[in-house]
Protein backbone atom coordinates (compact mmCIF):
# COMPACT_ATOMS: atom_id res chain seq x y z
CA UNK A 1 158.72 171.63 -0.06
CA UNK A 2 156.34 169.15 -1.64
CA UNK A 3 155.40 171.58 -4.44
CA UNK A 4 158.98 171.88 -5.67
CA UNK A 5 159.41 168.10 -5.61
CA UNK A 6 156.54 167.97 -8.10
CA UNK A 7 158.50 170.18 -10.49
CA UNK A 8 160.87 167.35 -11.40
CA UNK A 9 160.05 165.19 -14.40
CA UNK A 10 159.78 162.22 -12.05
CA UNK A 11 156.50 163.57 -10.72
CA UNK A 12 155.17 165.64 -13.64
CA UNK A 13 154.03 163.81 -16.75
CA UNK A 14 155.09 166.27 -19.47
CA UNK A 15 153.76 164.07 -22.27
CA UNK A 16 150.19 164.74 -21.13
CA UNK A 17 150.65 168.50 -20.85
CA UNK A 18 148.36 170.39 -23.20
CA UNK A 19 148.19 174.16 -23.54
CA UNK A 20 145.21 175.11 -25.70
CA UNK A 21 144.71 178.84 -25.90
CA UNK A 22 143.93 179.96 -22.36
CA UNK A 23 143.59 176.45 -20.97
CA UNK A 24 146.36 174.32 -19.45
CA UNK A 25 145.96 170.67 -18.48
CA UNK A 26 148.27 167.92 -17.35
CA UNK A 27 148.86 165.19 -14.79
CA UNK A 28 150.80 165.39 -11.53
CA UNK A 29 152.07 162.24 -9.79
CA UNK A 30 152.69 162.12 -6.07
CA UNK A 31 155.48 159.69 -5.16
CA UNK A 32 154.73 156.63 -3.10
CA UNK A 33 155.29 156.74 0.65
CA UNK A 34 155.69 154.02 3.25
CA UNK A 35 151.94 154.09 3.89
CA UNK A 36 150.44 155.12 0.53
CA UNK A 37 151.09 154.18 -3.11
CA UNK A 38 151.93 156.70 -5.82
CA UNK A 39 148.91 158.76 -6.91
CA UNK A 40 148.35 160.51 -10.23
CA UNK A 41 145.93 163.44 -10.52
CA UNK A 42 144.51 165.23 -13.54
CA UNK A 43 144.78 169.02 -13.30
CA UNK A 44 143.11 171.65 -15.49
CA UNK A 45 143.70 175.41 -15.26
CA UNK A 46 142.03 178.27 -17.14
CA UNK A 47 143.65 181.70 -17.16
CA UNK A 48 142.94 185.16 -18.52
CA UNK A 49 145.16 188.25 -18.56
CA UNK A 50 147.70 186.81 -16.12
CA UNK A 51 145.06 185.55 -13.69
CA UNK A 52 143.98 181.99 -12.96
CA UNK A 53 140.21 182.07 -13.43
CA UNK A 54 139.31 178.43 -12.73
CA UNK A 55 141.00 175.25 -11.51
CA UNK A 56 140.09 171.58 -11.36
CA UNK A 57 142.10 168.83 -9.70
CA UNK A 58 141.32 165.16 -9.16
CA UNK A 59 142.76 165.19 -5.63
CA UNK A 60 139.48 166.50 -4.23
CA UNK A 61 141.19 169.28 -2.26
CA UNK A 62 138.85 170.83 0.31
CA UNK A 63 140.48 174.16 0.92
CA UNK A 64 140.08 177.75 -0.23
CA UNK A 65 143.69 177.78 -1.43
CA UNK A 66 145.07 176.04 -4.50
CA UNK A 67 146.29 172.51 -3.91
CA UNK A 68 149.95 171.59 -4.41
CA UNK A 69 149.19 169.94 -7.76
CA UNK A 70 147.65 173.10 -9.25
CA UNK A 71 150.57 175.19 -7.99
CA UNK A 72 153.08 172.67 -9.35
CA UNK A 73 151.49 172.68 -12.81
CA UNK A 74 151.41 176.50 -12.85
CA UNK A 75 155.05 176.81 -11.78
CA UNK A 76 156.11 174.18 -14.30
CA UNK A 77 154.44 176.16 -17.11
CA UNK A 78 156.19 179.36 -15.92
CA UNK A 79 159.65 177.89 -15.31
CA UNK A 80 159.81 175.46 -18.25
CA UNK A 81 157.77 177.04 -21.05
CA UNK A 82 159.85 175.33 -23.75
CA UNK A 83 158.61 171.91 -22.56
CA UNK A 84 154.91 172.82 -22.91
CA UNK A 85 153.85 173.23 -26.52
CA UNK A 86 151.48 176.14 -27.08
CA UNK A 87 148.46 175.55 -29.30
CA UNK A 88 145.69 177.72 -30.64
CA UNK A 89 142.26 177.70 -28.97
CA UNK A 90 140.27 174.67 -30.08
CA UNK A 91 137.79 176.85 -32.02
CA UNK A 92 140.63 178.12 -34.22
CA UNK A 93 141.79 174.56 -34.91
CA UNK A 94 138.27 173.46 -35.83
CA UNK A 95 137.93 176.45 -38.16
CA UNK A 96 140.91 175.17 -40.17
CA UNK A 97 139.27 171.75 -40.79
CA UNK A 98 137.07 170.85 -43.75
CA UNK A 99 133.83 168.86 -43.45
CA UNK A 100 135.46 165.41 -43.67
CA UNK A 101 138.09 166.34 -41.09
CA UNK A 102 135.44 167.70 -38.70
CA UNK A 103 133.37 164.51 -38.99
CA UNK A 104 136.42 162.33 -38.47
CA UNK A 105 137.45 164.46 -35.46
CA UNK A 106 134.04 164.18 -33.80
CA UNK A 107 133.69 160.45 -34.42
CA UNK A 108 137.16 159.68 -33.09
CA UNK A 109 136.45 161.84 -30.01
CA UNK A 110 133.19 159.99 -29.34
CA UNK A 111 134.84 156.62 -29.88
CA UNK A 112 137.66 157.42 -27.44
CA UNK A 113 135.19 158.49 -24.71
CA UNK A 114 131.92 156.89 -25.82
CA UNK A 115 130.83 155.85 -22.32
CA UNK A 116 131.23 159.41 -21.05
CA UNK A 117 130.21 161.70 -23.91
CA UNK A 118 127.82 159.62 -26.05
CA UNK A 119 124.61 160.71 -24.22
CA UNK A 120 125.71 164.35 -24.34
CA UNK A 121 126.72 164.05 -28.01
CA UNK A 122 123.30 162.65 -28.96
CA UNK A 123 121.50 165.38 -27.00
CA UNK A 124 123.51 168.10 -28.74
CA UNK A 125 122.92 166.50 -32.13
CA UNK A 126 119.14 166.49 -31.54
CA UNK A 127 119.18 170.15 -30.53
CA UNK A 128 121.29 171.23 -33.51
CA UNK A 129 118.99 169.39 -35.93
CA UNK A 130 115.95 171.12 -34.40
CA UNK A 131 115.45 174.58 -35.91
CA UNK A 132 113.46 175.79 -32.86
CA UNK A 133 116.02 174.73 -30.24
CA UNK A 134 117.67 177.31 -28.01
CA UNK A 135 121.12 176.35 -29.24
CA UNK A 136 120.20 177.52 -32.77
CA UNK A 137 119.06 180.94 -31.57
CA UNK A 138 122.65 182.01 -30.84
CA UNK A 139 125.44 182.43 -33.36
CA UNK A 140 128.66 180.52 -32.75
CA UNK A 141 129.45 178.17 -29.88
CA UNK A 142 131.33 178.39 -26.57
CA UNK A 143 135.05 177.65 -26.41
CA UNK A 144 136.55 177.09 -22.93
CA UNK A 145 140.06 177.55 -24.35
CA UNK A 146 139.46 180.93 -26.04
CA UNK A 147 139.50 183.13 -22.95
CA UNK A 148 137.16 185.97 -22.06
CA UNK A 149 136.32 189.07 -24.06
CA UNK A 150 138.44 192.14 -23.39
CA UNK A 151 135.36 193.89 -22.01
CA UNK A 152 134.59 191.09 -19.55
CA UNK A 153 135.68 191.52 -15.94
CA UNK A 154 138.38 189.03 -15.02
CA UNK A 155 139.28 187.94 -11.51
CA UNK A 156 141.23 185.19 -9.78
CA UNK A 157 139.49 181.88 -9.16
CA UNK A 158 137.66 181.70 -5.83
CA UNK A 159 135.71 178.64 -4.74
CA UNK A 160 132.80 180.38 -3.02
CA UNK A 161 131.13 177.20 -1.77
CA UNK A 162 134.38 176.04 -0.22
CA UNK A 163 134.85 179.39 1.54
CA UNK A 164 131.36 179.11 3.03
CA UNK A 165 131.93 175.54 4.19
CA UNK A 166 135.29 176.35 5.76
CA UNK A 167 134.01 179.37 7.69
CA UNK A 168 130.91 177.47 8.83
CA UNK A 169 133.11 174.60 10.04
CA UNK A 170 135.51 176.86 11.94
CA UNK A 171 132.66 178.76 13.61
CA UNK A 172 130.99 175.50 14.65
CA UNK A 173 134.18 174.57 16.52
CA UNK A 174 133.60 177.41 18.97
CA UNK A 175 136.45 179.74 17.89
CA UNK A 176 138.98 177.81 19.93
CA UNK A 177 142.69 178.22 19.25
CA UNK A 178 142.85 176.05 16.13
CA UNK A 179 139.71 177.33 14.44
CA UNK A 180 140.40 180.92 15.49
CA UNK A 181 143.86 180.66 13.95
CA UNK A 182 142.34 179.37 10.71
CA UNK A 183 139.83 182.23 10.57
CA UNK A 184 142.60 184.75 11.19
CA UNK A 185 144.53 183.22 8.29
CA UNK A 186 141.44 183.75 6.11
CA UNK A 187 141.32 187.39 7.21
CA UNK A 188 145.01 187.67 6.34
CA UNK A 189 144.20 186.23 2.90
CA UNK A 190 141.58 188.96 2.42
CA UNK A 191 144.17 191.62 3.29
CA UNK A 192 146.59 190.03 0.84
CA UNK A 193 143.92 190.19 -1.87
CA UNK A 194 143.24 193.85 -1.11
CA UNK A 195 146.95 194.64 -1.28
CA UNK A 196 147.15 192.94 -4.70
CA UNK A 197 143.97 194.85 -5.72
CA UNK A 198 142.20 191.57 -6.34
CA UNK A 199 138.43 192.03 -6.58
CA UNK A 200 138.00 188.70 -4.79
CA UNK A 201 138.91 190.41 -1.51
CA UNK A 202 135.47 191.99 -1.13
CA UNK A 203 133.77 188.82 -2.43
CA UNK A 204 135.55 186.62 0.06
CA UNK A 205 134.83 188.99 2.96
CA UNK A 206 131.15 189.06 1.99
CA UNK A 207 131.03 185.25 2.10
CA UNK A 208 132.78 185.22 5.49
CA UNK A 209 130.39 187.85 6.87
CA UNK A 210 127.33 185.90 5.71
CA UNK A 211 128.52 182.86 7.64
CA UNK A 212 129.29 184.97 10.71
CA UNK A 213 125.76 186.39 10.59
CA UNK A 214 124.33 182.87 10.22
CA UNK A 215 126.16 181.61 13.31
CA UNK A 216 123.41 180.01 15.47
CA UNK A 217 125.20 181.05 18.65
CA UNK A 218 124.28 184.71 17.99
CA UNK A 219 120.61 183.90 18.52
CA UNK A 220 121.41 181.78 21.57
CA UNK A 221 123.51 184.52 23.18
CA UNK A 222 120.80 187.09 22.53
CA UNK A 223 118.04 184.90 23.99
CA UNK A 224 120.09 184.11 27.08
CA UNK A 225 121.25 187.72 27.49
CA UNK A 226 124.90 186.65 27.58
CA UNK A 227 127.79 188.25 25.73
CA UNK A 228 129.86 186.40 23.16
CA UNK A 229 133.23 184.95 24.07
CA UNK A 230 136.37 187.07 23.85
CA UNK A 231 137.76 184.98 20.98
CA UNK A 232 134.61 185.51 18.93
CA UNK A 233 134.55 189.21 19.75
CA UNK A 234 138.14 189.58 18.51
CA UNK A 235 137.17 187.90 15.23
CA UNK A 236 134.20 190.24 14.85
CA UNK A 237 136.51 193.21 15.47
CA UNK A 238 138.82 192.09 12.66
CA UNK A 239 135.79 191.53 10.42
CA UNK A 240 134.65 195.11 11.04
CA UNK A 241 138.15 196.51 10.47
CA UNK A 242 138.34 194.76 7.09
CA UNK A 243 135.01 196.23 6.01
CA UNK A 244 136.27 199.69 6.92
CA UNK A 245 139.29 199.04 4.66
CA UNK A 246 137.04 198.01 1.78
CA UNK A 247 134.68 200.98 2.13
CA UNK A 248 137.65 203.37 2.23
CA UNK A 249 139.29 201.84 -0.86
CA UNK A 250 140.64 204.83 -2.83
CA UNK A 251 139.76 203.09 -6.13
CA UNK A 252 136.26 202.13 -5.01
CA UNK A 253 133.53 203.38 -7.37
CA UNK A 254 130.61 205.27 -5.86
CA UNK A 255 128.17 202.59 -7.03
CA UNK A 256 130.22 199.86 -5.34
CA UNK A 257 130.49 201.85 -2.13
CA UNK A 258 126.73 202.48 -2.09
CA UNK A 259 125.95 198.78 -2.61
CA UNK A 260 128.34 197.75 0.17
CA UNK A 261 126.89 200.33 2.55
CA UNK A 262 123.39 199.05 1.79
CA UNK A 263 124.50 195.48 2.47
CA UNK A 264 126.20 196.51 5.72
CA UNK A 265 123.03 198.34 6.76
CA UNK A 266 120.96 195.20 6.09
CA UNK A 267 123.27 193.13 8.29
CA UNK A 268 123.27 195.84 10.94
CA UNK A 269 119.45 195.89 11.05
CA UNK A 270 119.30 192.19 11.93
CA UNK A 271 118.49 191.53 15.59
CA UNK A 272 121.38 189.09 15.98
CA UNK A 273 124.01 191.52 14.68
CA UNK A 274 126.40 192.35 17.55
CA UNK A 275 126.88 196.00 18.41
CA UNK A 276 130.22 197.67 17.88
CA UNK A 277 131.11 198.23 21.53
CA UNK A 278 130.21 194.68 22.56
CA UNK A 279 128.04 195.79 25.47
CA UNK A 280 124.64 196.21 23.78
CA UNK A 281 124.88 199.92 24.47
CA UNK A 282 124.84 202.94 22.20
CA UNK A 283 127.06 203.06 19.13
CA UNK A 284 130.50 204.48 19.74
CA UNK A 285 130.80 208.14 18.66
CA UNK A 286 131.96 208.91 15.13
CA UNK A 287 132.67 205.29 14.14
CA UNK A 288 130.06 205.32 11.37
CA UNK A 289 131.32 208.71 10.15
CA UNK A 290 133.60 207.13 7.56
CA UNK A 291 132.65 209.23 4.53
CA UNK A 292 134.44 212.52 3.65
CA UNK A 293 132.99 215.70 5.09
CA UNK A 294 132.89 219.20 3.63
CA UNK A 295 136.04 221.27 3.82
CA UNK A 296 134.31 223.77 6.12
CA UNK A 297 133.93 221.16 8.87
CA UNK A 298 136.32 220.52 11.73
CA UNK A 299 139.42 218.33 11.19
CA UNK A 300 138.58 214.70 10.62
CA UNK A 301 137.98 212.38 13.56
CA UNK A 302 141.41 210.91 14.43
CA UNK A 303 140.44 207.18 14.42
CA UNK A 304 138.66 207.65 11.07
CA UNK A 305 141.72 209.36 9.60
CA UNK A 306 143.84 206.45 10.86
CA UNK A 307 141.39 204.03 9.25
CA UNK A 308 142.13 205.77 5.95
CA UNK A 309 145.82 205.04 6.56
CA UNK A 310 145.00 201.37 7.12
CA UNK A 311 142.91 201.35 3.93
CA UNK A 312 145.70 202.90 1.85
CA UNK A 313 148.23 200.49 3.33
CA UNK A 314 145.95 197.48 2.82
CA UNK A 315 145.16 198.37 -0.80
CA UNK A 316 148.80 198.64 -1.85
CA UNK A 317 149.51 202.37 -1.48
CA UNK A 318 152.40 202.45 1.04
CA UNK A 319 153.77 205.87 0.01
CA UNK A 320 150.37 207.55 0.26
CA UNK A 321 149.74 205.82 3.61
CA UNK A 322 153.05 207.19 4.93
CA UNK A 323 152.23 210.72 3.80
CA UNK A 324 148.85 210.64 5.52
CA UNK A 325 150.42 209.13 8.65
CA UNK A 326 152.95 211.98 8.87
CA UNK A 327 150.14 214.53 8.41
CA UNK A 328 148.11 212.93 11.23
CA UNK A 329 151.11 212.92 13.59
CA UNK A 330 151.82 216.59 12.85
CA UNK A 331 148.17 217.32 13.68
CA UNK A 332 148.49 215.40 16.97
CA UNK A 333 151.63 217.39 17.80
CA UNK A 334 149.79 220.68 17.26
CA UNK A 335 146.94 219.40 19.41
CA UNK A 336 149.41 218.44 22.14
CA UNK A 337 150.98 221.92 22.08
CA UNK A 338 147.57 223.61 22.29
CA UNK A 339 146.63 221.44 25.25
CA UNK A 340 149.87 222.42 26.99
CA UNK A 341 149.04 226.10 26.49
CA UNK A 342 145.54 225.59 27.87
CA UNK A 343 146.92 223.78 30.91
CA UNK A 344 149.45 226.52 31.65
CA UNK A 345 146.60 229.01 32.09
CA UNK A 346 144.60 226.62 34.30
CA UNK A 347 147.45 224.95 36.19
CA UNK A 348 147.28 226.99 39.39
CA UNK A 349 143.52 226.58 39.75
CA UNK A 350 143.59 222.84 38.98
CA UNK A 351 146.40 222.15 41.45
CA UNK A 352 144.54 224.02 44.20
CA UNK A 353 141.33 222.13 43.48
CA UNK A 354 143.05 218.76 43.04
CA UNK A 355 140.31 217.45 40.73
CA UNK A 356 139.18 218.05 37.16
CA UNK A 357 136.24 217.23 34.93
CA UNK A 358 138.37 217.47 31.75
CA UNK A 359 138.57 214.09 30.05
CA UNK A 360 138.74 212.29 26.71
CA UNK A 361 135.58 210.22 26.43
CA UNK A 362 137.02 208.28 23.49
CA UNK A 363 140.38 206.61 23.99
CA UNK A 364 142.65 205.66 21.10
CA UNK A 365 143.98 202.55 22.84
CA UNK A 366 141.33 199.83 22.73
CA UNK A 367 139.37 201.66 20.02
CA UNK A 368 137.62 199.38 17.46
CA UNK A 369 139.60 201.00 14.62
CA UNK A 370 142.94 200.62 16.47
CA UNK A 371 144.22 204.05 15.33
CA UNK A 372 147.59 203.98 17.10
CA UNK A 373 148.29 200.42 15.96
CA UNK A 374 147.56 201.43 12.33
CA UNK A 375 149.98 204.38 12.44
CA UNK A 376 152.69 202.41 14.25
CA UNK A 377 152.48 199.46 11.83
CA UNK A 378 152.57 201.71 8.75
CA UNK A 379 155.68 203.53 9.99
CA UNK A 380 157.60 200.47 11.22
CA UNK A 381 156.93 198.46 8.05
CA UNK A 382 158.64 201.25 6.11
CA UNK A 383 161.69 200.75 8.37
CA UNK A 384 161.72 196.96 8.45
CA UNK A 385 164.97 195.41 7.32
CA UNK A 386 164.39 192.70 4.72
CA UNK A 387 166.86 190.14 5.99
CA UNK A 388 167.05 186.79 4.18
CA UNK A 389 168.19 185.08 7.36
CA UNK A 390 165.08 186.40 9.09
CA UNK A 391 162.91 184.74 6.45
CA UNK A 392 164.78 181.46 6.85
CA UNK A 393 164.19 181.46 10.60
CA UNK A 394 160.52 182.33 10.05
CA UNK A 395 160.14 179.33 7.74
CA UNK A 396 161.46 177.12 10.55
CA UNK A 397 158.66 178.39 12.84
CA UNK A 398 161.15 179.98 15.20
CA UNK A 399 160.17 183.34 16.65
CA UNK A 400 162.61 186.12 16.03
CA UNK A 401 161.87 189.83 16.51
CA UNK A 402 161.92 191.99 13.38
CA UNK A 403 164.93 194.19 12.66
CA UNK A 404 164.32 197.89 11.98
CA UNK A 405 166.51 200.64 10.58
CA UNK A 406 166.12 204.42 10.48
CA UNK A 407 164.59 205.55 7.18
CA UNK A 408 164.66 209.34 6.65
CA UNK A 409 161.34 210.99 5.96
CA UNK A 410 160.59 211.91 2.36
CA UNK A 411 161.89 215.25 1.12
CA UNK A 412 159.31 218.00 1.43
CA UNK A 413 157.93 216.81 4.78
CA UNK A 414 157.85 219.48 7.52
CA UNK A 415 160.40 217.55 9.61
CA UNK A 416 162.39 215.76 6.92
CA UNK A 417 165.38 215.40 9.27
CA UNK A 418 163.42 212.86 11.36
CA UNK A 419 163.04 209.18 10.60
CA UNK A 420 159.88 207.12 10.29
CA UNK A 421 161.12 204.94 13.15
CA UNK A 422 161.32 207.86 15.60
CA UNK A 423 157.83 208.92 14.48
CA UNK A 424 156.55 205.41 15.18
CA UNK A 425 157.90 205.56 18.73
CA UNK A 426 156.50 209.06 19.25
CA UNK A 427 152.97 208.28 18.10
CA UNK A 428 152.88 205.09 20.18
CA UNK A 429 153.88 207.09 23.28
CA UNK A 430 151.26 209.74 22.47
CA UNK A 431 148.51 207.14 22.19
CA UNK A 432 149.49 205.12 25.25
CA UNK A 433 149.90 208.28 27.32
CA UNK A 434 146.58 209.79 26.25
CA UNK A 435 144.26 210.53 29.16
CA UNK A 436 141.07 208.55 28.67
CA UNK A 437 138.23 207.34 30.85
CA UNK A 438 137.65 203.67 31.46
CA UNK A 439 134.90 202.48 29.05
CA UNK A 440 131.81 200.62 30.18
CA UNK A 441 131.50 196.86 29.93
CA UNK A 442 133.79 193.91 30.56
CA UNK A 443 134.87 193.39 26.95
CA UNK A 444 135.63 197.07 26.28
CA UNK A 445 137.73 197.29 29.46
CA UNK A 446 139.54 194.04 28.71
CA UNK A 447 140.23 195.27 25.18
CA UNK A 448 141.86 198.44 26.54
CA UNK A 449 144.27 196.32 28.59
CA UNK A 450 144.92 193.86 25.76
CA UNK A 451 145.51 196.57 23.15
CA UNK A 452 147.89 198.38 25.51
CA UNK A 453 149.91 195.20 26.03
CA UNK A 454 150.05 194.58 22.26
CA UNK A 455 151.40 198.07 21.59
CA UNK A 456 153.97 197.74 24.37
CA UNK A 457 155.16 194.38 23.02
CA UNK A 458 155.74 196.06 19.65
CA UNK A 459 157.64 198.89 21.32
CA UNK A 460 159.88 196.39 23.07
CA UNK A 461 160.98 195.11 19.64
CA UNK A 462 162.62 198.49 18.94
CA UNK A 463 166.32 198.75 19.74
CA UNK A 464 166.65 202.13 21.48
CA UNK A 465 169.57 204.06 20.00
CA UNK A 466 170.51 207.66 20.85
CA UNK A 467 167.91 209.14 18.48
CA UNK A 468 165.06 207.03 19.86
CA UNK A 469 166.13 207.74 23.45
CA UNK A 470 165.89 211.47 22.74
CA UNK A 471 162.39 210.98 21.32
CA UNK A 472 161.47 208.94 24.40
CA UNK A 473 162.76 211.59 26.82
CA UNK A 474 161.06 214.44 24.97
CA UNK A 475 157.69 212.73 24.86
CA UNK A 476 157.89 211.64 28.51
CA UNK A 477 158.48 215.26 29.58
CA UNK A 478 155.49 216.38 27.51
CA UNK A 479 153.32 213.69 29.11
CA UNK A 480 154.40 214.75 32.61
CA UNK A 481 153.59 218.39 31.81
CA UNK A 482 150.35 217.60 29.97
CA UNK A 483 148.01 218.18 32.89
CA UNK A 484 144.50 216.71 32.57
CA UNK A 485 145.07 215.94 28.87
CA UNK A 486 147.79 213.39 29.69
CA UNK A 487 147.43 210.15 31.62
CA UNK A 488 150.65 211.13 33.43
CA UNK A 489 149.61 214.72 34.17
CA UNK A 490 149.56 216.11 37.70
CA UNK A 491 145.77 216.34 37.96
CA UNK A 492 143.59 213.90 36.02
CA UNK A 493 139.97 212.79 35.95
CA UNK A 494 139.24 210.24 38.66
CA UNK A 495 138.01 207.62 36.16
CA UNK A 496 141.11 207.83 33.99
CA UNK A 497 142.63 204.57 32.78
CA UNK A 498 145.69 203.92 35.01
CA UNK A 499 149.15 204.14 33.44
CA UNK A 500 150.87 201.37 35.46
CA UNK A 501 151.66 199.01 32.56
CA UNK A 502 152.77 201.85 30.31
CA UNK A 503 154.89 203.40 33.07
CA UNK A 504 156.61 200.08 33.73
CA UNK A 505 157.84 200.03 30.12
CA UNK A 506 158.90 203.69 30.29
CA UNK A 507 160.74 203.14 33.57
CA UNK A 508 162.72 200.16 32.23
CA UNK A 509 163.49 201.92 28.93
CA UNK A 510 164.57 205.22 30.54
CA UNK A 511 166.45 203.89 33.57
CA UNK A 512 169.83 203.31 31.83
CA UNK A 513 169.70 206.75 30.18
CA UNK A 514 167.85 209.10 32.54
CA UNK A 515 167.27 207.61 36.04
CA UNK A 516 165.78 210.80 37.51
CA UNK A 517 163.14 211.07 34.80
CA UNK A 518 162.35 207.34 34.98
CA UNK A 519 161.67 207.42 38.75
CA UNK A 520 159.69 210.67 38.52
CA UNK A 521 157.49 209.22 35.82
CA UNK A 522 156.98 205.86 37.57
CA UNK A 523 156.10 207.51 40.88
CA UNK A 524 153.56 209.74 39.12
CA UNK A 525 151.96 206.67 37.53
CA UNK A 526 151.62 204.75 40.83
CA UNK A 527 148.28 206.39 41.61
CA UNK A 528 144.87 204.78 41.13
CA UNK A 529 142.48 207.78 41.38
CA UNK A 530 139.24 205.83 41.16
CA UNK A 531 140.09 204.14 44.50
CA UNK A 532 141.98 206.99 46.13
CA UNK A 533 139.07 209.40 45.81
CA UNK A 534 136.35 206.92 46.70
CA UNK A 535 137.00 207.36 50.42
CA UNK A 536 135.45 210.80 50.39
CA UNK A 537 132.12 209.53 49.05
CA UNK A 538 131.99 205.98 50.40
CA UNK A 539 130.72 204.48 53.62
CA UNK A 540 133.57 205.00 56.11
CA UNK A 541 131.96 202.62 58.61
CA UNK A 542 133.25 199.67 56.59
CA UNK A 543 136.90 200.45 55.89
CA UNK A 544 137.62 196.85 54.88
CA UNK A 545 135.49 197.42 51.77
CA UNK A 546 137.28 200.59 50.68
CA UNK A 547 139.86 198.92 48.42
CA UNK A 548 137.45 197.55 45.83
CA UNK A 549 134.47 199.87 46.32
CA UNK A 550 133.47 202.26 43.52
CA UNK A 551 130.34 204.44 43.97
CA UNK A 552 127.33 203.13 42.06
CA UNK A 553 127.03 206.24 39.89
CA UNK A 554 130.31 205.30 38.19
CA UNK A 555 130.71 202.43 35.70
CA UNK A 556 131.82 199.14 37.15
CA UNK A 557 135.53 198.40 36.70
CA UNK A 558 135.64 194.71 35.77
CA UNK A 559 139.43 194.76 35.31
CA UNK A 560 140.20 196.31 38.69
CA UNK A 561 142.03 193.22 39.95
CA UNK A 562 144.28 193.22 36.89
CA UNK A 563 144.98 196.94 37.29
CA UNK A 564 145.92 196.52 40.94
CA UNK A 565 148.31 193.69 40.03
CA UNK A 566 149.94 195.95 37.42
CA UNK A 567 150.31 198.62 40.10
CA UNK A 568 152.11 196.10 42.30
CA UNK A 569 154.39 195.07 39.41
CA UNK A 570 155.35 198.69 38.80
CA UNK A 571 156.18 199.16 42.48
CA UNK A 572 158.18 195.92 42.52
CA UNK A 573 160.12 196.97 39.41
CA UNK A 574 161.07 200.28 41.03
CA UNK A 575 162.08 198.64 44.31
CA UNK A 576 164.20 196.04 42.53
CA UNK A 577 165.97 198.72 40.49
CA UNK A 578 166.58 200.88 43.57
CA UNK A 579 167.92 198.04 45.72
CA UNK A 580 171.37 198.90 47.04
CA UNK A 581 171.27 202.44 45.64
CA UNK A 582 170.99 205.59 47.72
CA UNK A 583 168.62 208.08 46.17
C-alpha cells in the first residue's frame, strides 16, 4: 500500500520531524512516477488523550478521511518513536528563557519568516503595548502545542465543511451507483464511529442529514407529486436507522437525547421531509415509540426491541446485544406456542369456513427498522470465523462467503445447549414465515420483496450441518401447523404476502434431508390467495381479466408480476427435482 511505502526513510524526512508537546509536524515525500515528479508535503497533527484533534496537509486532500501523508506521519511516530525527539510544549520552553533569550528568539523567528509573519508580529506588538487592548484583558497566551485542559471535551478531528461538500456532491449526482456507494461508505463510517464510541458519529450524521434535507429534489418531487427514486429511498432508510441507533445509545445523556429529539422533530415538521413509509400516508404504527415504557405496560414492540439490539451492537456492546437478542427470540417462541394453542381451538371452524380475518398488519420483513436482519446479523457475527485468508481475499476485491462456526450460548441462558448460529437460522425462519398483509404503496411492497431476498441470501451462506437441519425441520413443521398466524398455515388472510420465494429456499434446503416435508411445504406455498379468491367477487363476464384483477376495495399490488414469476420459479424447481422420480 502507498501508506506503508511512505514509512521508509526514502519518503519520510526525519530531520524535519518535530514533536512539541501535543503537536507533531514533519514532511512526507511522494516518489516520482512516470507522469509526475516527486512531491513533498508539510504535515501537522495535533493530538489530545490518544485522539487526533486536528490535521493539516499541503496536499490539499478533499476527503472526509485522513490523507495518506497524515496516516504515514502518525504511523511513523507510533512505530519509530526513538527517531522522533520529544520536546516540551513551546510555552514551557519560553518560560525557561530570560529576557535577552526571548528577544533573540523572536527576532530570529521574524527574520526567518519576515515576509509571512512580519505584519502579524507588528499587529500583536501594537496590541500588547496598548493597555486597553483585548489581548491584555486575559492572563497568559494560547499555546497550540500544550494540549487541552483535562476538563475540556476531546474528540477526533472531523472536517465538517468537507463532509457537507461531499454529501452535497454525491446527492447532486442523483444517487446513482457510484455516488450511492460513496454515501453508504459514509454511513458505514458513522457506524464505525458509534462502535468506537466516538462523539463525532452523531456530529457527522447531523451534517449528513442537513444536506439530505437541503436536497432540492425533495421540493421538486413534492411539487410534482412524484415519489423519490428507490436508491434515494434506501439511503433515507439507512439515515433513519442510524438516528434510531443514536437515540437508543445506552450511554446517551438525557439532555443529549432531548436535544436530538427536538432536532429530529424540527426536520420532521418541514414540508419536504419524506414520510417513513414512503407513500405519503399515515406514520407506521409504533415506529416513533422508541422510548422506554412503564413496567406495567405490555411487552415492548418487537421491532423497537430489535432496534435496541442494533443500538447496543452499533455502540460496541456485543455481549449485551446478544443477551437481548436471546431474550427477544425466547419471547417470540412463547408467542409462537400461544398462537399454536389458539389455532388448535379454532382449527375446525376455520377449515370449514376456508377464510379468516386474522392477520398481522405489521410485517417484520420489509419493516423500516429491519428487526429480523438486526437479530440475524448480531447472532451470526458472534459465530463468524476470523480467518486471515478470508481477509486476504477480501483485500483483493474477490467475493467469498463468510465462514461461520457454532458458538455455544452463554452459561445461564434458558437454552444454553443451543448455539447462536442455530438461533440465527431459527429467527430468520420465524420472520420470513410470519403471516403479514401486503403493505400499501409501490415502494413498501418492493421493499418487502427486496428485504426477503436479502435475508434469504444470508441464509444461503450458512452451511447446513445436522444441528441446523434439525432446527430447519422443527421450524418448518411449526410454520405448517401455525394456521392463520403463519404464512404457510392452512388458512390465511387473502391479502397475505405470498411465500413462494421463501418456500423455494426451504424446498432446496430440505430436499436432501427430508423430501416429504420439502414437497409438502412447497405445495402449500404455491397458492396466491389474493387472486384465487377474487373470482367470487369479480366480474365473471370477463374471465380473461381474472388473473390480474383485484377488487378496488383492496390495496393495489404493484409487485404482482414479480410474485407470479416467483410462483412459476417455485413450480419449476419442484418439477425439476421430481423429474424421473415416482412419488
